[in-house]
mmCIF file of all heavy atoms, coordinates in Angstrom:
data_MODEL
# 
_entry.id   MODEL 
# 
loop_
_atom_site.group_PDB 
_atom_site.id 
_atom_site.type_symbol 
_atom_site.label_atom_id 
_atom_site.label_alt_id 
_atom_site.label_comp_id 
_atom_site.label_asym_id 
_atom_site.label_entity_id 
_atom_site.label_seq_id 
_atom_site.pdbx_PDB_ins_code 
_atom_site.Cartn_x 
_atom_site.Cartn_y 
_atom_site.Cartn_z 
_atom_site.occupancy 
_atom_site.B_iso_or_equiv 
_atom_site.pdbx_formal_charge 
_atom_site.auth_seq_id 
_atom_site.auth_comp_id 
_atom_site.auth_asym_id 
_atom_site.auth_atom_id 
_atom_site.pdbx_PDB_model_num 
ATOM 1   N N   . SER A 1 1  ? -75.746 -21.774 -50.473 1.00 0.00 ? 1  SER A N   1 
ATOM 2   C CA  . SER A 1 1  ? -76.227 -22.969 -51.177 1.00 0.00 ? 1  SER A CA  1 
ATOM 3   C C   . SER A 1 1  ? -75.301 -24.166 -50.988 1.00 0.00 ? 1  SER A C   1 
ATOM 4   O O   . SER A 1 1  ? -75.764 -25.312 -50.858 1.00 0.00 ? 1  SER A O   1 
ATOM 5   C CB  . SER A 1 1  ? -76.398 -22.665 -52.669 1.00 0.00 ? 1  SER A CB  1 
ATOM 6   O OG  . SER A 1 1  ? -75.167 -22.218 -53.237 1.00 0.00 ? 1  SER A OG  1 
ATOM 7   N N   . HIS A 1 2  ? -73.989 -23.933 -50.930 1.00 0.00 ? 2  HIS A N   1 
ATOM 8   C CA  . HIS A 1 2  ? -73.056 -25.043 -50.727 1.00 0.00 ? 2  HIS A CA  1 
ATOM 9   C C   . HIS A 1 2  ? -73.234 -25.650 -49.338 1.00 0.00 ? 2  HIS A C   1 
ATOM 10  O O   . HIS A 1 2  ? -73.197 -26.885 -49.180 1.00 0.00 ? 2  HIS A O   1 
ATOM 11  C CB  . HIS A 1 2  ? -71.608 -24.564 -50.909 1.00 0.00 ? 2  HIS A CB  1 
ATOM 12  C CG  . HIS A 1 2  ? -71.173 -24.550 -52.339 1.00 0.00 ? 2  HIS A CG  1 
ATOM 13  N ND1 . HIS A 1 2  ? -69.854 -24.593 -52.730 1.00 0.00 ? 2  HIS A ND1 1 
ATOM 14  C CD2 . HIS A 1 2  ? -71.883 -24.488 -53.486 1.00 0.00 ? 2  HIS A CD2 1 
ATOM 15  C CE1 . HIS A 1 2  ? -69.772 -24.578 -54.041 1.00 0.00 ? 2  HIS A CE1 1 
ATOM 16  N NE2 . HIS A 1 2  ? -70.998 -24.493 -54.523 1.00 0.00 ? 2  HIS A NE2 1 
ATOM 17  N N   . ALA A 1 3  ? -73.418 -24.815 -48.331 1.00 0.00 ? 3  ALA A N   1 
ATOM 18  C CA  . ALA A 1 3  ? -73.595 -25.326 -46.968 1.00 0.00 ? 3  ALA A CA  1 
ATOM 19  C C   . ALA A 1 3  ? -74.882 -26.141 -46.855 1.00 0.00 ? 3  ALA A C   1 
ATOM 20  O O   . ALA A 1 3  ? -74.913 -27.191 -46.192 1.00 0.00 ? 3  ALA A O   1 
ATOM 21  C CB  . ALA A 1 3  ? -73.607 -24.164 -45.972 1.00 0.00 ? 3  ALA A CB  1 
ATOM 22  N N   . ILE A 1 4  ? -75.930 -25.665 -47.496 1.00 0.00 ? 4  ILE A N   1 
ATOM 23  C CA  . ILE A 1 4  ? -77.200 -26.401 -47.482 1.00 0.00 ? 4  ILE A CA  1 
ATOM 24  C C   . ILE A 1 4  ? -77.017 -27.769 -48.133 1.00 0.00 ? 4  ILE A C   1 
ATOM 25  O O   . ILE A 1 4  ? -77.473 -28.792 -47.617 1.00 0.00 ? 4  ILE A O   1 
ATOM 26  C CB  . ILE A 1 4  ? -78.297 -25.585 -48.193 1.00 0.00 ? 4  ILE A CB  1 
ATOM 27  C CG1 . ILE A 1 4  ? -78.647 -24.333 -47.351 1.00 0.00 ? 4  ILE A CG1 1 
ATOM 28  C CG2 . ILE A 1 4  ? -79.543 -26.438 -48.434 1.00 0.00 ? 4  ILE A CG2 1 
ATOM 29  C CD1 . ILE A 1 4  ? -79.554 -23.345 -48.074 1.00 0.00 ? 4  ILE A CD1 1 
ATOM 30  N N   . ALA A 1 5  ? -76.321 -27.798 -49.256 1.00 0.00 ? 5  ALA A N   1 
ATOM 31  C CA  . ALA A 1 5  ? -76.094 -29.072 -49.944 1.00 0.00 ? 5  ALA A CA  1 
ATOM 32  C C   . ALA A 1 5  ? -75.234 -30.008 -49.106 1.00 0.00 ? 5  ALA A C   1 
ATOM 33  O O   . ALA A 1 5  ? -75.439 -31.226 -49.110 1.00 0.00 ? 5  ALA A O   1 
ATOM 34  C CB  . ALA A 1 5  ? -75.425 -28.813 -51.297 1.00 0.00 ? 5  ALA A CB  1 
ATOM 35  N N   . GLN A 1 6  ? -74.287 -29.458 -48.358 1.00 0.00 ? 6  GLN A N   1 
ATOM 36  C CA  . GLN A 1 6  ? -73.396 -30.277 -47.530 1.00 0.00 ? 6  GLN A CA  1 
ATOM 37  C C   . GLN A 1 6  ? -74.116 -30.902 -46.337 1.00 0.00 ? 6  GLN A C   1 
ATOM 38  O O   . GLN A 1 6  ? -73.599 -31.846 -45.735 1.00 0.00 ? 6  GLN A O   1 
ATOM 39  C CB  . GLN A 1 6  ? -72.232 -29.424 -47.023 1.00 0.00 ? 6  GLN A CB  1 
ATOM 40  C CG  . GLN A 1 6  ? -71.265 -29.000 -48.113 1.00 0.00 ? 6  GLN A CG  1 
ATOM 41  C CD  . GLN A 1 6  ? -70.419 -27.812 -47.700 1.00 0.00 ? 6  GLN A CD  1 
ATOM 42  O OE1 . GLN A 1 6  ? -70.266 -27.524 -46.510 1.00 0.00 ? 6  GLN A OE1 1 
ATOM 43  N NE2 . GLN A 1 6  ? -69.858 -27.122 -48.675 1.00 0.00 ? 6  GLN A NE2 1 
ATOM 44  N N   . CYS A 1 7  ? -75.297 -30.410 -46.014 1.00 0.00 ? 7  CYS A N   1 
ATOM 45  C CA  . CYS A 1 7  ? -76.055 -30.903 -44.862 1.00 0.00 ? 7  CYS A CA  1 
ATOM 46  C C   . CYS A 1 7  ? -77.373 -31.560 -45.293 1.00 0.00 ? 7  CYS A C   1 
ATOM 47  O O   . CYS A 1 7  ? -78.339 -31.604 -44.519 1.00 0.00 ? 7  CYS A O   1 
ATOM 48  C CB  . CYS A 1 7  ? -76.332 -29.760 -43.896 1.00 0.00 ? 7  CYS A CB  1 
ATOM 49  S SG  . CYS A 1 7  ? -74.837 -28.945 -43.293 1.00 0.00 ? 7  CYS A SG  1 
ATOM 50  N N   . HIS A 1 8  ? -77.407 -32.068 -46.490 1.00 0.00 ? 8  HIS A N   1 
ATOM 51  C CA  . HIS A 1 8  ? -78.644 -32.616 -47.058 1.00 0.00 ? 8  HIS A CA  1 
ATOM 52  C C   . HIS A 1 8  ? -79.256 -33.713 -46.186 1.00 0.00 ? 8  HIS A C   1 
ATOM 53  O O   . HIS A 1 8  ? -80.463 -33.727 -45.940 1.00 0.00 ? 8  HIS A O   1 
ATOM 54  C CB  . HIS A 1 8  ? -78.382 -33.143 -48.464 1.00 0.00 ? 8  HIS A CB  1 
ATOM 55  C CG  . HIS A 1 8  ? -79.511 -33.946 -49.025 1.00 0.00 ? 8  HIS A CG  1 
ATOM 56  N ND1 . HIS A 1 8  ? -80.687 -33.368 -49.483 1.00 0.00 ? 8  HIS A ND1 1 
ATOM 57  C CD2 . HIS A 1 8  ? -79.681 -35.290 -49.158 1.00 0.00 ? 8  HIS A CD2 1 
ATOM 58  C CE1 . HIS A 1 8  ? -81.503 -34.309 -49.891 1.00 0.00 ? 8  HIS A CE1 1 
ATOM 59  N NE2 . HIS A 1 8  ? -80.930 -35.483 -49.706 1.00 0.00 ? 8  HIS A NE2 1 
ATOM 60  N N   . LYS A 1 9  ? -78.433 -34.649 -45.713 1.00 0.00 ? 9  LYS A N   1 
ATOM 61  C CA  . LYS A 1 9  ? -78.957 -35.784 -44.949 1.00 0.00 ? 9  LYS A CA  1 
ATOM 62  C C   . LYS A 1 9  ? -79.628 -35.320 -43.660 1.00 0.00 ? 9  LYS A C   1 
ATOM 63  O O   . LYS A 1 9  ? -80.721 -35.792 -43.308 1.00 0.00 ? 9  LYS A O   1 
ATOM 64  C CB  . LYS A 1 9  ? -77.835 -36.773 -44.635 1.00 0.00 ? 9  LYS A CB  1 
ATOM 65  C CG  . LYS A 1 9  ? -77.296 -37.489 -45.854 1.00 0.00 ? 9  LYS A CG  1 
ATOM 66  C CD  . LYS A 1 9  ? -76.197 -38.471 -45.467 1.00 0.00 ? 9  LYS A CD  1 
ATOM 67  C CE  . LYS A 1 9  ? -75.617 -39.164 -46.687 1.00 0.00 ? 9  LYS A CE  1 
ATOM 68  N NZ  . LYS A 1 9  ? -74.514 -40.092 -46.320 1.00 0.00 ? 9  LYS A NZ  1 
ATOM 69  N N   . PHE A 1 10 ? -78.992 -34.397 -42.956 1.00 0.00 ? 10 PHE A N   1 
ATOM 70  C CA  . PHE A 1 10 ? -79.574 -33.880 -41.713 1.00 0.00 ? 10 PHE A CA  1 
ATOM 71  C C   . PHE A 1 10 ? -80.894 -33.174 -41.995 1.00 0.00 ? 10 PHE A C   1 
ATOM 72  O O   . PHE A 1 10 ? -81.898 -33.400 -41.307 1.00 0.00 ? 10 PHE A O   1 
ATOM 73  C CB  . PHE A 1 10 ? -78.601 -32.932 -41.021 1.00 0.00 ? 10 PHE A CB  1 
ATOM 74  C CG  . PHE A 1 10 ? -79.187 -32.240 -39.820 1.00 0.00 ? 10 PHE A CG  1 
ATOM 75  C CD1 . PHE A 1 10 ? -79.152 -32.841 -38.567 1.00 0.00 ? 10 PHE A CD1 1 
ATOM 76  C CD2 . PHE A 1 10 ? -79.794 -30.997 -39.932 1.00 0.00 ? 10 PHE A CD2 1 
ATOM 77  C CE1 . PHE A 1 10 ? -79.705 -32.223 -37.462 1.00 0.00 ? 10 PHE A CE1 1 
ATOM 78  C CE2 . PHE A 1 10 ? -80.352 -30.362 -38.836 1.00 0.00 ? 10 PHE A CE2 1 
ATOM 79  C CZ  . PHE A 1 10 ? -80.306 -30.979 -37.595 1.00 0.00 ? 10 PHE A CZ  1 
ATOM 80  N N   . LEU A 1 11 ? -80.897 -32.317 -42.999 1.00 0.00 ? 11 LEU A N   1 
ATOM 81  C CA  . LEU A 1 11 ? -82.113 -31.566 -43.317 1.00 0.00 ? 11 LEU A CA  1 
ATOM 82  C C   . LEU A 1 11 ? -83.235 -32.503 -43.751 1.00 0.00 ? 11 LEU A C   1 
ATOM 83  O O   . LEU A 1 11 ? -84.406 -32.290 -43.401 1.00 0.00 ? 11 LEU A O   1 
ATOM 84  C CB  . LEU A 1 11 ? -81.819 -30.539 -44.414 1.00 0.00 ? 11 LEU A CB  1 
ATOM 85  C CG  . LEU A 1 11 ? -80.836 -29.417 -44.034 1.00 0.00 ? 11 LEU A CG  1 
ATOM 86  C CD1 . LEU A 1 11 ? -80.515 -28.565 -45.254 1.00 0.00 ? 11 LEU A CD1 1 
ATOM 87  C CD2 . LEU A 1 11 ? -81.398 -28.554 -42.911 1.00 0.00 ? 11 LEU A CD2 1 
ATOM 88  N N   . HIS A 1 12 ? -82.882 -33.547 -44.484 1.00 0.00 ? 12 HIS A N   1 
ATOM 89  C CA  . HIS A 1 12 ? -83.887 -34.477 -44.981 1.00 0.00 ? 12 HIS A CA  1 
ATOM 90  C C   . HIS A 1 12 ? -84.501 -35.306 -43.852 1.00 0.00 ? 12 HIS A C   1 
ATOM 91  O O   . HIS A 1 12 ? -85.702 -35.630 -43.888 1.00 0.00 ? 12 HIS A O   1 
ATOM 92  C CB  . HIS A 1 12 ? -83.269 -35.399 -46.031 1.00 0.00 ? 12 HIS A CB  1 
ATOM 93  C CG  . HIS A 1 12 ? -84.242 -36.369 -46.631 1.00 0.00 ? 12 HIS A CG  1 
ATOM 94  N ND1 . HIS A 1 12 ? -85.261 -35.976 -47.472 1.00 0.00 ? 12 HIS A ND1 1 
ATOM 95  C CD2 . HIS A 1 12 ? -84.375 -37.717 -46.484 1.00 0.00 ? 12 HIS A CD2 1 
ATOM 96  C CE1 . HIS A 1 12 ? -85.956 -37.024 -47.822 1.00 0.00 ? 12 HIS A CE1 1 
ATOM 97  N NE2 . HIS A 1 12 ? -85.450 -38.105 -47.248 1.00 0.00 ? 12 HIS A NE2 1 
ATOM 98  N N   . THR A 1 13 ? -83.695 -35.638 -42.841 1.00 0.00 ? 13 THR A N   1 
ATOM 99  C CA  . THR A 1 13 ? -84.202 -36.497 -41.767 1.00 0.00 ? 13 THR A CA  1 
ATOM 100 C C   . THR A 1 13 ? -84.768 -35.707 -40.597 1.00 0.00 ? 13 THR A C   1 
ATOM 101 O O   . THR A 1 13 ? -85.816 -36.062 -40.047 1.00 0.00 ? 13 THR A O   1 
ATOM 102 C CB  . THR A 1 13 ? -83.092 -37.427 -41.255 1.00 0.00 ? 13 THR A CB  1 
ATOM 103 O OG1 . THR A 1 13 ? -81.960 -36.636 -40.829 1.00 0.00 ? 13 THR A OG1 1 
ATOM 104 C CG2 . THR A 1 13 ? -82.642 -38.385 -42.343 1.00 0.00 ? 13 THR A CG2 1 
ATOM 105 N N   . GLU A 1 14 ? -84.102 -34.625 -40.208 1.00 0.00 ? 14 GLU A N   1 
ATOM 106 C CA  . GLU A 1 14 ? -84.503 -33.886 -39.012 1.00 0.00 ? 14 GLU A CA  1 
ATOM 107 C C   . GLU A 1 14 ? -85.443 -32.716 -39.291 1.00 0.00 ? 14 GLU A C   1 
ATOM 108 O O   . GLU A 1 14 ? -86.239 -32.351 -38.417 1.00 0.00 ? 14 GLU A O   1 
ATOM 109 C CB  . GLU A 1 14 ? -83.252 -33.365 -38.282 1.00 0.00 ? 14 GLU A CB  1 
ATOM 110 C CG  . GLU A 1 14 ? -82.275 -34.448 -37.849 1.00 0.00 ? 14 GLU A CG  1 
ATOM 111 C CD  . GLU A 1 14 ? -82.868 -35.381 -36.809 1.00 0.00 ? 14 GLU A CD  1 
ATOM 112 O OE1 . GLU A 1 14 ? -83.780 -34.950 -36.068 1.00 0.00 ? 14 GLU A OE1 1 
ATOM 113 O OE2 . GLU A 1 14 ? -82.433 -36.549 -36.741 1.00 0.00 ? 14 GLU A OE2 1 
ATOM 114 N N   . LEU A 1 15 ? -85.345 -32.139 -40.477 1.00 0.00 ? 15 LEU A N   1 
ATOM 115 C CA  . LEU A 1 15 ? -86.194 -30.981 -40.811 1.00 0.00 ? 15 LEU A CA  1 
ATOM 116 C C   . LEU A 1 15 ? -86.826 -31.198 -42.185 1.00 0.00 ? 15 LEU A C   1 
ATOM 117 O O   . LEU A 1 15 ? -86.868 -30.292 -43.021 1.00 0.00 ? 15 LEU A O   1 
ATOM 118 C CB  . LEU A 1 15 ? -85.361 -29.691 -40.790 1.00 0.00 ? 15 LEU A CB  1 
ATOM 119 C CG  . LEU A 1 15 ? -84.801 -29.276 -39.417 1.00 0.00 ? 15 LEU A CG  1 
ATOM 120 C CD1 . LEU A 1 15 ? -83.840 -28.103 -39.564 1.00 0.00 ? 15 LEU A CD1 1 
ATOM 121 C CD2 . LEU A 1 15 ? -85.925 -28.926 -38.455 1.00 0.00 ? 15 LEU A CD2 1 
ATOM 122 N N   . LYS A 1 16 ? -87.331 -32.378 -42.406 1.00 0.00 ? 16 LYS A N   1 
ATOM 123 C CA  . LYS A 1 16 ? -87.884 -32.747 -43.704 1.00 0.00 ? 16 LYS A CA  1 
ATOM 124 C C   . LYS A 1 16 ? -89.065 -31.850 -44.065 1.00 0.00 ? 16 LYS A C   1 
ATOM 125 O O   . LYS A 1 16 ? -89.964 -31.621 -43.255 1.00 0.00 ? 16 LYS A O   1 
ATOM 126 C CB  . LYS A 1 16 ? -88.335 -34.208 -43.680 1.00 0.00 ? 16 LYS A CB  1 
ATOM 127 C CG  . LYS A 1 16 ? -88.740 -34.742 -45.048 1.00 0.00 ? 16 LYS A CG  1 
ATOM 128 C CD  . LYS A 1 16 ? -88.979 -36.235 -45.005 1.00 0.00 ? 16 LYS A CD  1 
ATOM 129 C CE  . LYS A 1 16 ? -89.293 -36.775 -46.385 1.00 0.00 ? 16 LYS A CE  1 
ATOM 130 N NZ  . LYS A 1 16 ? -89.470 -38.256 -46.374 1.00 0.00 ? 16 LYS A NZ  1 
ATOM 131 N N   . GLY A 1 17 ? -89.030 -31.327 -45.271 1.00 0.00 ? 17 GLY A N   1 
ATOM 132 C CA  . GLY A 1 17 ? -90.102 -30.463 -45.749 1.00 0.00 ? 17 GLY A CA  1 
ATOM 133 C C   . GLY A 1 17 ? -89.947 -29.008 -45.388 1.00 0.00 ? 17 GLY A C   1 
ATOM 134 O O   . GLY A 1 17 ? -90.703 -28.161 -45.877 1.00 0.00 ? 17 GLY A O   1 
ATOM 135 N N   . ILE A 1 18 ? -88.971 -28.693 -44.527 1.00 0.00 ? 18 ILE A N   1 
ATOM 136 C CA  . ILE A 1 18 ? -88.744 -27.291 -44.151 1.00 0.00 ? 18 ILE A CA  1 
ATOM 137 C C   . ILE A 1 18 ? -87.993 -26.594 -45.278 1.00 0.00 ? 18 ILE A C   1 
ATOM 138 O O   . ILE A 1 18 ? -86.959 -27.091 -45.740 1.00 0.00 ? 18 ILE A O   1 
ATOM 139 C CB  . ILE A 1 18 ? -87.942 -27.210 -42.834 1.00 0.00 ? 18 ILE A CB  1 
ATOM 140 C CG1 . ILE A 1 18 ? -88.681 -27.932 -41.714 1.00 0.00 ? 18 ILE A CG1 1 
ATOM 141 C CG2 . ILE A 1 18 ? -87.685 -25.754 -42.458 1.00 0.00 ? 18 ILE A CG2 1 
ATOM 142 C CD1 . ILE A 1 18 ? -90.066 -27.426 -41.441 1.00 0.00 ? 18 ILE A CD1 1 
ATOM 143 N N   . PRO A 1 19 ? -88.466 -25.458 -45.746 1.00 0.00 ? 19 PRO A N   1 
ATOM 144 C CA  . PRO A 1 19 ? -87.802 -24.785 -46.874 1.00 0.00 ? 19 PRO A CA  1 
ATOM 145 C C   . PRO A 1 19 ? -86.426 -24.248 -46.498 1.00 0.00 ? 19 PRO A C   1 
ATOM 146 O O   . PRO A 1 19 ? -86.172 -23.898 -45.340 1.00 0.00 ? 19 PRO A O   1 
ATOM 147 C CB  . PRO A 1 19 ? -88.763 -23.642 -47.217 1.00 0.00 ? 19 PRO A CB  1 
ATOM 148 C CG  . PRO A 1 19 ? -89.556 -23.406 -45.970 1.00 0.00 ? 19 PRO A CG  1 
ATOM 149 C CD  . PRO A 1 19 ? -89.680 -24.742 -45.302 1.00 0.00 ? 19 PRO A CD  1 
ATOM 150 N N   . THR A 1 20 ? -85.543 -24.224 -47.487 1.00 0.00 ? 20 THR A N   1 
ATOM 151 C CA  . THR A 1 20 ? -84.223 -23.618 -47.302 1.00 0.00 ? 20 THR A CA  1 
ATOM 152 C C   . THR A 1 20 ? -84.148 -22.328 -48.114 1.00 0.00 ? 20 THR A C   1 
ATOM 153 O O   . THR A 1 20 ? -84.773 -22.216 -49.169 1.00 0.00 ? 20 THR A O   1 
ATOM 154 C CB  . THR A 1 20 ? -83.119 -24.572 -47.748 1.00 0.00 ? 20 THR A CB  1 
ATOM 155 O OG1 . THR A 1 20 ? -83.332 -24.939 -49.120 1.00 0.00 ? 20 THR A OG1 1 
ATOM 156 C CG2 . THR A 1 20 ? -83.096 -25.824 -46.874 1.00 0.00 ? 20 THR A CG2 1 
ATOM 157 N N   . VAL A 1 21 ? -83.376 -21.373 -47.600 1.00 0.00 ? 21 VAL A N   1 
ATOM 158 C CA  . VAL A 1 21 ? -83.250 -20.064 -48.244 1.00 0.00 ? 21 VAL A CA  1 
ATOM 159 C C   . VAL A 1 21 ? -81.760 -19.786 -48.462 1.00 0.00 ? 21 VAL A C   1 
ATOM 160 O O   . VAL A 1 21 ? -80.968 -19.821 -47.512 1.00 0.00 ? 21 VAL A O   1 
ATOM 161 C CB  . VAL A 1 21 ? -83.865 -18.953 -47.382 1.00 0.00 ? 21 VAL A CB  1 
ATOM 162 C CG1 . VAL A 1 21 ? -83.712 -17.598 -48.082 1.00 0.00 ? 21 VAL A CG1 1 
ATOM 163 C CG2 . VAL A 1 21 ? -85.333 -19.248 -47.089 1.00 0.00 ? 21 VAL A CG2 1 
ATOM 164 N N   . ASN A 1 22 ? -81.376 -19.523 -49.705 1.00 0.00 ? 22 ASN A N   1 
ATOM 165 C CA  . ASN A 1 22 ? -79.970 -19.256 -50.020 1.00 0.00 ? 22 ASN A CA  1 
ATOM 166 C C   . ASN A 1 22 ? -79.576 -17.835 -49.629 1.00 0.00 ? 22 ASN A C   1 
ATOM 167 O O   . ASN A 1 22 ? -80.329 -16.880 -49.869 1.00 0.00 ? 22 ASN A O   1 
ATOM 168 C CB  . ASN A 1 22 ? -79.706 -19.453 -51.509 1.00 0.00 ? 22 ASN A CB  1 
ATOM 169 C CG  . ASN A 1 22 ? -79.815 -20.901 -51.938 1.00 0.00 ? 22 ASN A CG  1 
ATOM 170 O OD1 . ASN A 1 22 ? -79.755 -21.810 -51.115 1.00 0.00 ? 22 ASN A OD1 1 
ATOM 171 N ND2 . ASN A 1 22 ? -79.970 -21.127 -53.227 1.00 0.00 ? 22 ASN A ND2 1 
ATOM 172 N N   . THR A 1 23 ? -78.394 -17.710 -49.050 1.00 0.00 ? 23 THR A N   1 
ATOM 173 C CA  . THR A 1 23 ? -77.832 -16.402 -48.713 1.00 0.00 ? 23 THR A CA  1 
ATOM 174 C C   . THR A 1 23 ? -76.448 -16.296 -49.345 1.00 0.00 ? 23 THR A C   1 
ATOM 175 O O   . THR A 1 23 ? -75.898 -17.278 -49.849 1.00 0.00 ? 23 THR A O   1 
ATOM 176 C CB  . THR A 1 23 ? -77.717 -16.225 -47.187 1.00 0.00 ? 23 THR A CB  1 
ATOM 177 O OG1 . THR A 1 23 ? -76.918 -17.296 -46.640 1.00 0.00 ? 23 THR A OG1 1 
ATOM 178 C CG2 . THR A 1 23 ? -79.079 -16.239 -46.534 1.00 0.00 ? 23 THR A CG2 1 
ATOM 179 N N   . THR A 1 24 ? -75.871 -15.098 -49.330 1.00 0.00 ? 24 THR A N   1 
ATOM 180 C CA  . THR A 1 24 ? -74.577 -14.887 -49.978 1.00 0.00 ? 24 THR A CA  1 
ATOM 181 C C   . THR A 1 24 ? -73.444 -15.579 -49.242 1.00 0.00 ? 24 THR A C   1 
ATOM 182 O O   . THR A 1 24 ? -72.385 -15.828 -49.827 1.00 0.00 ? 24 THR A O   1 
ATOM 183 C CB  . THR A 1 24 ? -74.254 -13.385 -50.078 1.00 0.00 ? 24 THR A CB  1 
ATOM 184 O OG1 . THR A 1 24 ? -74.307 -12.795 -48.771 1.00 0.00 ? 24 THR A OG1 1 
ATOM 185 C CG2 . THR A 1 24 ? -75.246 -12.680 -50.989 1.00 0.00 ? 24 THR A CG2 1 
ATOM 186 N N   . SER A 1 25 ? -73.628 -15.902 -47.971 1.00 0.00 ? 25 SER A N   1 
ATOM 187 C CA  . SER A 1 25 ? -72.608 -16.605 -47.192 1.00 0.00 ? 25 SER A CA  1 
ATOM 188 C C   . SER A 1 25 ? -73.269 -17.217 -45.967 1.00 0.00 ? 25 SER A C   1 
ATOM 189 O O   . SER A 1 25 ? -74.408 -16.872 -45.621 1.00 0.00 ? 25 SER A O   1 
ATOM 190 C CB  . SER A 1 25 ? -71.487 -15.650 -46.753 1.00 0.00 ? 25 SER A CB  1 
ATOM 191 O OG  . SER A 1 25 ? -71.989 -14.726 -45.803 1.00 0.00 ? 25 SER A OG  1 
ATOM 192 N N   . THR A 1 26 ? -72.561 -18.116 -45.307 1.00 0.00 ? 26 THR A N   1 
ATOM 193 C CA  . THR A 1 26 ? -73.087 -18.700 -44.080 1.00 0.00 ? 26 THR A CA  1 
ATOM 194 C C   . THR A 1 26 ? -73.202 -17.640 -42.982 1.00 0.00 ? 26 THR A C   1 
ATOM 195 O O   . THR A 1 26 ? -74.160 -17.644 -42.200 1.00 0.00 ? 26 THR A O   1 
ATOM 196 C CB  . THR A 1 26 ? -72.183 -19.846 -43.592 1.00 0.00 ? 26 THR A CB  1 
ATOM 197 O OG1 . THR A 1 26 ? -70.831 -19.370 -43.479 1.00 0.00 ? 26 THR A OG1 1 
ATOM 198 C CG2 . THR A 1 26 ? -72.224 -21.020 -44.566 1.00 0.00 ? 26 THR A CG2 1 
ATOM 199 N N   . ALA A 1 27 ? -72.239 -16.724 -42.933 1.00 0.00 ? 27 ALA A N   1 
ATOM 200 C CA  . ALA A 1 27 ? -72.288 -15.675 -41.913 1.00 0.00 ? 27 ALA A CA  1 
ATOM 201 C C   . ALA A 1 27 ? -73.449 -14.715 -42.155 1.00 0.00 ? 27 ALA A C   1 
ATOM 202 O O   . ALA A 1 27 ? -74.056 -14.207 -41.205 1.00 0.00 ? 27 ALA A O   1 
ATOM 203 C CB  . ALA A 1 27 ? -70.967 -14.911 -41.876 1.00 0.00 ? 27 ALA A CB  1 
# 
């Protein structure tokens, strides 16, 4: 969830509307 939040601008502009799924870690 922290990594997703840290990349909000990219996700909003390049993958807008694409759902995100939280995992226990980035790895």
